[in-house]
Protein backbone atom coordinates (compact mmCIF):
# COMPACT_ATOMS: atom_id res chain seq x y z
CA MET A 1 -11.77 -5.58 -8.69
CA ILE A 2 -11.30 -4.16 -5.19
CA SER A 3 -10.84 -6.86 -2.54
CA ASN A 4 -13.58 -7.33 0.03
CA THR A 5 -11.50 -7.42 3.18
CA PRO A 6 -12.72 -8.01 6.71
CA PRO A 7 -12.76 -5.27 9.33
CA PRO A 8 -9.27 -4.26 10.39
CA PRO A 9 -6.79 -5.07 11.64
CA TYR A 10 -5.24 -7.16 8.88
CA TYR A 11 -2.03 -6.95 6.89
CA ALA A 12 -1.13 -5.74 3.37
CA VAL A 13 1.86 -6.90 1.35
CA ILE A 14 2.65 -4.27 -1.30
CA PHE A 15 4.81 -5.57 -4.18
CA SER A 16 6.01 -2.72 -6.44
CA SER A 17 8.01 -3.81 -9.46
CA VAL A 18 9.69 -2.79 -12.67
CA ARG A 19 9.69 -5.53 -15.31
CA THR A 20 12.37 -6.46 -17.83
CA ASN A 21 11.45 -7.05 -21.46
CA ASP A 22 11.66 -10.83 -20.95
CA ASN A 23 8.13 -12.20 -20.68
CA GLU A 24 8.82 -15.88 -21.26
CA GLY A 25 6.91 -17.92 -18.70
CA TYR A 26 5.73 -14.85 -16.76
CA PRO A 27 1.98 -14.98 -17.53
CA GLU A 28 1.74 -18.64 -16.57
CA THR A 29 3.74 -18.15 -13.33
CA ASP A 30 1.77 -15.01 -12.45
CA ALA A 31 -1.50 -16.91 -12.87
CA LEU A 32 -0.22 -19.84 -10.81
CA MET A 33 0.98 -17.56 -8.00
CA SER A 34 -2.40 -15.88 -7.83
CA LYS A 35 -4.17 -19.23 -7.77
CA LEU A 36 -1.91 -20.60 -5.02
CA ALA A 37 -2.06 -17.40 -2.95
CA HIS A 38 -5.89 -17.62 -2.97
CA LYS A 39 -5.60 -21.12 -1.44
CA GLN A 40 -3.33 -20.09 1.43
CA ASP A 41 -4.70 -19.97 4.95
CA GLY A 42 -4.95 -16.39 6.02
CA PHE A 43 -5.22 -14.96 2.46
CA LEU A 44 -7.92 -12.21 2.29
CA GLY A 45 -7.67 -10.79 -1.27
CA MET A 46 -5.43 -9.26 -3.95
CA GLU A 47 -5.41 -6.17 -6.19
CA HIS A 48 -3.10 -5.48 -9.14
CA ALA A 49 -2.30 -2.56 -11.41
CA SER A 50 0.48 -2.07 -13.93
CA SER A 51 1.91 0.50 -16.27
CA GLU A 52 5.54 1.57 -15.99
CA ILE A 53 5.47 0.22 -12.43
CA GLY A 54 3.54 -2.88 -11.45
CA ILE A 55 1.82 -2.86 -8.08
CA THR A 56 0.26 -5.89 -6.49
CA ILE A 57 -1.29 -5.66 -3.03
CA SER A 58 -2.22 -8.85 -1.22
CA TYR A 59 -4.12 -8.87 2.06
CA TRP A 60 -3.47 -11.30 4.89
CA ARG A 61 -4.94 -12.12 8.25
CA ASP A 62 -1.64 -12.02 10.13
CA VAL A 63 2.15 -11.97 9.68
CA GLU A 64 2.35 -15.75 10.13
CA SER A 65 0.19 -16.18 7.03
CA ILE A 66 2.54 -13.85 5.10
CA LYS A 67 5.56 -15.81 6.18
CA ARG A 68 4.01 -19.14 5.15
CA TRP A 69 3.25 -17.68 1.72
CA LYS A 70 6.81 -16.30 1.37
CA ASP A 71 8.16 -19.78 2.27
CA HIS A 72 5.83 -21.71 -0.06
CA LEU A 73 8.05 -23.76 -2.40
CA ASP A 74 6.38 -22.71 -5.68
CA HIS A 75 6.43 -19.09 -4.54
CA GLN A 76 10.17 -19.39 -3.73
CA LYS A 77 10.79 -20.73 -7.30
CA ALA A 78 8.85 -17.80 -8.75
CA GLN A 79 10.85 -15.33 -6.61
CA ILE A 80 14.16 -16.77 -7.94
CA GLU A 81 12.94 -16.69 -11.53
CA GLY A 82 11.65 -13.15 -11.04
CA GLN A 83 15.04 -11.95 -9.80
CA LYS A 84 16.79 -13.79 -12.59
CA THR A 85 14.49 -12.97 -15.48
CA TRP A 86 11.34 -10.84 -15.09
CA TYR A 87 12.23 -7.93 -12.79
CA SER A 88 14.85 -5.25 -13.04
CA GLN A 89 13.74 -3.89 -9.63
CA TYR A 90 11.18 -4.59 -6.97
CA LYS A 91 10.33 -3.61 -3.42
CA VAL A 92 8.14 -5.35 -0.90
CA ARG A 93 6.44 -3.51 1.92
CA ILE A 94 4.42 -5.11 4.67
CA SER A 95 2.03 -2.96 6.65
CA LYS A 96 -0.73 -3.37 9.19
CA VAL A 97 -4.05 -1.99 8.13
CA GLU A 98 -5.64 -0.36 11.14
CA ARG A 99 -8.46 1.42 9.39
CA ASP A 100 -10.25 1.23 6.07
CA TYR A 101 -13.36 2.76 4.52
CA ASP A 102 -14.97 2.68 1.12
CA PHE A 103 -17.34 4.27 -1.33
CA LEU A 104 -19.62 2.59 -3.92
CA LYS A 105 -21.66 4.66 -6.34
CA LYS A 106 -25.11 3.21 -6.81
């Protein structure tokens, strides 16, 4: 589902990843991170797609909200486990959304 974000400006955190073959504990941690992110002050929405490369985009009100999420203890544990077990590579990009527009077929 496409996130219903407020009018810009807001911020996007783009997490692109390549997974390892080790899936132990990943689905549960992924679900927990999504649930926790949704509860964070400043969180606006999230979109995810995966094939050879996984891409998760989360939307945030401001950079302070992003920093609080990065520093969240459970999120830090997931980051460590991700580096150790689930990801062979990832890249995080943080960008300011200055304009957006959409289309919806009726």
